[in-house]
Amino acid sequence: MTHLATLFTAIILGLRVAIANHVVRNPTQAPLLNRACFYLSGSIRRLHRPFALWQAGTLPTPRPARPGRERTPPATPHLPAGQATRCR
């Protein structure tokens, strides 16, 4: 695992410890904070899965971009001569 992934994991685990300490002092906030801890745990998994695929050389190929319609730049408004430089 790279240094960046290790640091990210350590930060997330530190946040979970801080949340757990807060829940001990304020049990009424436990449901919301438990959800936050669950989300943080998921973020670690979401980081490690693509990293493991990258290390194994099995990342899926990116999908081609969807064809979209051509975007035309917006028309510039027509101002009478001298109006664009006048400050009010």
N, C-alpha and C. Protein backbone atom coordinates (compact mmCIF):
# COMPACT_ATOMS: atom_id res chain seq x y z
N MET A 1 0.85 -1.17 0.00
CA MET A 1 0.00 0.00 0.00
C MET A 1 0.90 1.24 0.00
N THR A 2 0.47 2.23 -0.72
CA THR A 2 1.30 3.42 -0.80
C THR A 2 1.18 4.25 0.47
N HIS A 3 2.08 5.18 0.56
CA HIS A 3 2.10 6.07 1.71
C HIS A 3 0.80 6.88 1.81
N LEU A 4 0.28 7.33 0.68
CA LEU A 4 -0.94 8.12 0.67
C LEU A 4 -2.14 7.33 1.18
N ALA A 5 -2.28 6.09 0.73
CA ALA A 5 -3.39 5.25 1.19
C ALA A 5 -3.27 4.96 2.68
N THR A 6 -2.06 4.76 3.17
CA THR A 6 -1.85 4.52 4.60
C THR A 6 -2.22 5.75 5.41
N LEU A 7 -1.83 6.91 4.93
CA LEU A 7 -2.18 8.14 5.64
C LEU A 7 -3.68 8.36 5.65
N PHE A 8 -4.34 8.14 4.53
CA PHE A 8 -5.78 8.30 4.46
C PHE A 8 -6.48 7.37 5.44
N THR A 9 -6.04 6.13 5.50
CA THR A 9 -6.63 5.18 6.44
C THR A 9 -6.41 5.62 7.88
N ALA A 10 -5.22 6.11 8.20
CA ALA A 10 -4.94 6.57 9.56
C ALA A 10 -5.82 7.77 9.92
N ILE A 11 -6.03 8.68 8.98
CA ILE A 11 -6.89 9.85 9.26
C ILE A 11 -8.32 9.41 9.51
N ILE A 12 -8.83 8.50 8.69
CA ILE A 12 -10.21 8.03 8.85
C ILE A 12 -10.37 7.29 10.18
N LEU A 13 -9.41 6.45 10.52
CA LEU A 13 -9.50 5.74 11.80
C LEU A 13 -9.42 6.71 12.97
N GLY A 14 -8.62 7.76 12.85
CA GLY A 14 -8.56 8.78 13.90
C GLY A 14 -9.89 9.51 14.05
N LEU A 15 -10.54 9.79 12.92
CA LEU A 15 -11.86 10.42 12.99
C LEU A 15 -12.87 9.50 13.67
N ARG A 16 -12.79 8.22 13.37
CA ARG A 16 -13.71 7.28 14.02
C ARG A 16 -13.49 7.23 15.53
N VAL A 17 -12.24 7.28 15.97
CA VAL A 17 -11.94 7.29 17.41
C VAL A 17 -12.49 8.57 18.04
N ALA A 18 -12.31 9.70 17.37
CA ALA A 18 -12.84 10.96 17.90
C ALA A 18 -14.35 10.93 18.00
N ILE A 19 -15.00 10.35 17.00
CA ILE A 19 -16.47 10.24 17.04
C ILE A 19 -16.90 9.33 18.18
N ALA A 20 -16.20 8.21 18.36
CA ALA A 20 -16.54 7.29 19.45
C ALA A 20 -16.39 7.97 20.80
N ASN A 21 -15.34 8.76 20.98
CA ASN A 21 -15.16 9.49 22.24
C ASN A 21 -16.28 10.50 22.46
N HIS A 22 -16.74 11.12 21.38
CA HIS A 22 -17.84 12.09 21.51
C HIS A 22 -19.14 11.39 21.88
N VAL A 23 -19.38 10.19 21.32
CA VAL A 23 -20.60 9.44 21.63
C VAL A 23 -20.61 9.04 23.10
N VAL A 24 -19.45 8.71 23.64
CA VAL A 24 -19.39 8.33 25.06
C VAL A 24 -19.84 9.50 25.94
N ARG A 25 -19.45 10.71 25.57
CA ARG A 25 -19.83 11.89 26.35
C ARG A 25 -21.25 12.36 26.06
N ASN A 26 -21.74 12.14 24.85
CA ASN A 26 -23.08 12.60 24.43
C ASN A 26 -23.85 11.46 23.78
N PRO A 27 -24.40 10.54 24.58
CA PRO A 27 -25.05 9.36 23.99
C PRO A 27 -26.30 9.70 23.17
N THR A 28 -26.89 10.86 23.36
CA THR A 28 -28.09 11.19 22.59
C THR A 28 -27.78 11.39 21.10
N GLN A 29 -26.53 11.66 20.78
CA GLN A 29 -26.14 11.87 19.39
C GLN A 29 -25.62 10.59 18.74
N ALA A 30 -25.75 9.48 19.42
CA ALA A 30 -25.19 8.22 18.94
C ALA A 30 -25.73 7.78 17.58
N PRO A 31 -27.05 7.86 17.32
CA PRO A 31 -27.52 7.37 16.01
C PRO A 31 -26.88 8.08 14.82
N LEU A 32 -26.79 9.39 14.89
CA LEU A 32 -26.20 10.14 13.79
C LEU A 32 -24.71 9.85 13.67
N LEU A 33 -24.02 9.81 14.79
CA LEU A 33 -22.58 9.60 14.76
C LEU A 33 -22.22 8.17 14.36
N ASN A 34 -23.08 7.22 14.71
CA ASN A 34 -22.85 5.84 14.26
C ASN A 34 -22.92 5.75 12.74
N ARG A 35 -23.86 6.50 12.16
CA ARG A 35 -23.96 6.52 10.70
C ARG A 35 -22.70 7.14 10.09
N ALA A 36 -22.17 8.17 10.75
CA ALA A 36 -20.94 8.80 10.25
C ALA A 36 -19.78 7.81 10.29
N CYS A 37 -19.68 7.04 11.37
CA CYS A 37 -18.61 6.03 11.46
C CYS A 37 -18.78 4.97 10.38
N PHE A 38 -20.02 4.56 10.13
CA PHE A 38 -20.28 3.57 9.08
C PHE A 38 -19.85 4.12 7.72
N TYR A 39 -20.16 5.38 7.45
CA TYR A 39 -19.77 6.00 6.18
C TYR A 39 -18.25 6.07 6.06
N LEU A 40 -17.58 6.43 7.15
CA LEU A 40 -16.13 6.52 7.11
C LEU A 40 -15.50 5.16 6.84
N SER A 41 -16.06 4.11 7.42
CA SER A 41 -15.55 2.77 7.17
C SER A 41 -15.71 2.41 5.70
N GLY A 42 -16.83 2.81 5.12
CA GLY A 42 -17.06 2.56 3.71
C GLY A 42 -16.08 3.31 2.83
N SER A 43 -15.69 4.51 3.27
CA SER A 43 -14.75 5.28 2.46
C SER A 43 -13.39 4.60 2.42
N ILE A 44 -13.03 3.92 3.48
CA ILE A 44 -11.76 3.16 3.47
C ILE A 44 -11.87 2.03 2.44
N ARG A 45 -12.99 1.33 2.45
CA ARG A 45 -13.19 0.25 1.47
C ARG A 45 -13.19 0.80 0.04
N ARG A 46 -13.86 1.96 -0.14
CA ARG A 46 -13.91 2.54 -1.49
C ARG A 46 -12.54 2.99 -1.96
N LEU A 47 -11.64 3.29 -1.05
CA LEU A 47 -10.28 3.65 -1.44
C LEU A 47 -9.46 2.41 -1.77
N HIS A 48 -9.57 1.39 -0.95
CA HIS A 48 -8.70 0.22 -1.09
C HIS A 48 -9.04 -0.65 -2.29
N ARG A 49 -10.31 -0.73 -2.67
CA ARG A 49 -10.66 -1.60 -3.79
C ARG A 49 -10.02 -1.15 -5.09
N PRO A 50 -10.18 0.10 -5.54
CA PRO A 50 -9.51 0.47 -6.79
C PRO A 50 -8.00 0.42 -6.68
N PHE A 51 -7.48 0.69 -5.50
CA PHE A 51 -6.03 0.63 -5.32
C PHE A 51 -5.53 -0.80 -5.51
N ALA A 52 -6.25 -1.77 -4.93
CA ALA A 52 -5.86 -3.18 -5.09
C ALA A 52 -5.97 -3.61 -6.55
N LEU A 53 -7.02 -3.16 -7.24
CA LEU A 53 -7.15 -3.48 -8.67
C LEU A 53 -6.01 -2.87 -9.47
N TRP A 54 -5.62 -1.66 -9.12
CA TRP A 54 -4.53 -0.99 -9.82
C TRP A 54 -3.22 -1.75 -9.60
N GLN A 55 -2.96 -2.16 -8.34
CA GLN A 55 -1.73 -2.90 -8.06
C GLN A 55 -1.70 -4.23 -8.78
N ALA A 56 -2.85 -4.88 -8.90
CA ALA A 56 -2.91 -6.17 -9.57
C ALA A 56 -2.91 -6.02 -11.10
N GLY A 57 -3.07 -4.80 -11.59
CA GLY A 57 -3.10 -4.57 -13.02
C GLY A 57 -4.41 -4.99 -13.66
N THR A 58 -5.48 -5.02 -12.88
CA THR A 58 -6.77 -5.48 -13.39
C THR A 58 -7.83 -4.38 -13.38
N LEU A 59 -7.41 -3.14 -13.45
CA LEU A 59 -8.40 -2.05 -13.51
C LEU A 59 -9.20 -2.18 -14.80
N PRO A 60 -10.51 -1.98 -14.74
CA PRO A 60 -11.29 -2.05 -15.97
C PRO A 60 -10.93 -0.87 -16.89
N THR A 61 -11.10 -1.09 -18.17
CA THR A 61 -10.82 -0.01 -19.10
C THR A 61 -11.92 1.04 -18.99
N PRO A 62 -11.57 2.29 -19.13
CA PRO A 62 -12.58 3.34 -19.02
C PRO A 62 -13.59 3.25 -20.16
N ARG A 63 -14.82 3.58 -19.85
CA ARG A 63 -15.86 3.59 -20.87
C ARG A 63 -15.63 4.77 -21.80
N PRO A 64 -16.00 4.62 -23.06
CA PRO A 64 -15.87 5.77 -23.97
C PRO A 64 -16.87 6.85 -23.58
N ALA A 65 -16.51 8.07 -23.88
CA ALA A 65 -17.40 9.19 -23.57
C ALA A 65 -18.68 9.07 -24.39
N ARG A 66 -19.77 9.46 -23.78
CA ARG A 66 -21.04 9.43 -24.50
C ARG A 66 -21.06 10.55 -25.53
N PRO A 67 -21.58 10.25 -26.70
CA PRO A 67 -21.66 11.33 -27.68
C PRO A 67 -22.70 12.34 -27.22
N GLY A 68 -22.36 13.56 -27.33
CA GLY A 68 -23.28 14.61 -26.92
C GLY A 68 -23.55 15.54 -28.08
N ARG A 69 -24.47 16.38 -27.88
CA ARG A 69 -24.76 17.33 -28.94
C ARG A 69 -23.70 18.43 -28.93
N GLU A 70 -23.51 19.03 -30.06
CA GLU A 70 -22.54 20.11 -30.16
C GLU A 70 -23.04 21.30 -29.36
N ARG A 71 -22.16 21.89 -28.64
CA ARG A 71 -22.54 23.07 -27.87
C ARG A 71 -22.05 24.31 -28.59
N THR A 72 -22.96 25.19 -28.81
CA THR A 72 -22.60 26.44 -29.47
C THR A 72 -22.42 27.50 -28.40
N PRO A 73 -21.45 28.37 -28.59
CA PRO A 73 -21.27 29.43 -27.59
C PRO A 73 -22.47 30.37 -27.61
N PRO A 74 -22.81 30.93 -26.46
CA PRO A 74 -23.95 31.84 -26.42
C PRO A 74 -23.68 33.07 -27.27
N ALA A 75 -24.72 33.57 -27.87
CA ALA A 75 -24.58 34.77 -28.70
C ALA A 75 -24.26 35.96 -27.81
N THR A 76 -23.37 36.82 -28.28
CA THR A 76 -23.05 38.02 -27.50
C THR A 76 -24.13 39.05 -27.74
N PRO A 77 -24.54 39.74 -26.69
CA PRO A 77 -25.60 40.74 -26.87
C PRO A 77 -25.09 41.90 -27.70
N HIS A 78 -25.95 42.43 -28.51
CA HIS A 78 -25.58 43.56 -29.36
C HIS A 78 -25.80 44.85 -28.56
N LEU A 79 -24.74 45.59 -28.35
CA LEU A 79 -24.83 46.86 -27.64
C LEU A 79 -24.58 48.00 -28.63
N PRO A 80 -25.28 49.10 -28.44
CA PRO A 80 -25.00 50.26 -29.29
C PRO A 80 -23.56 50.71 -29.11
N ALA A 81 -23.01 51.32 -30.11
CA ALA A 81 -21.62 51.76 -30.07
C ALA A 81 -21.36 52.66 -28.85
N GLY A 82 -20.28 52.37 -28.15
CA GLY A 82 -19.90 53.17 -27.00
C GLY A 82 -20.53 52.73 -25.69
N GLN A 83 -21.53 51.88 -25.70
CA GLN A 83 -22.19 51.46 -24.46
C GLN A 83 -21.30 50.53 -23.63
N ALA A 84 -20.50 49.72 -24.30
CA ALA A 84 -19.70 48.74 -23.57
C ALA A 84 -18.58 49.38 -22.78
N THR A 85 -18.14 50.57 -23.15
CA THR A 85 -17.02 51.20 -22.45
C THR A 85 -17.47 52.24 -21.45
N ARG A 86 -18.72 52.56 -21.42
CA ARG A 86 -19.21 53.60 -20.54
C ARG A 86 -19.41 53.06 -19.11
N CYS A 87 -18.90 53.73 -18.12
CA CYS A 87 -19.10 53.36 -16.71
C CYS A 87 -20.14 54.28 -16.11
N ARG A 88 -20.98 53.74 -15.31
CA ARG A 88 -22.02 54.56 -14.68
C ARG A 88 -21.80 54.63 -13.20
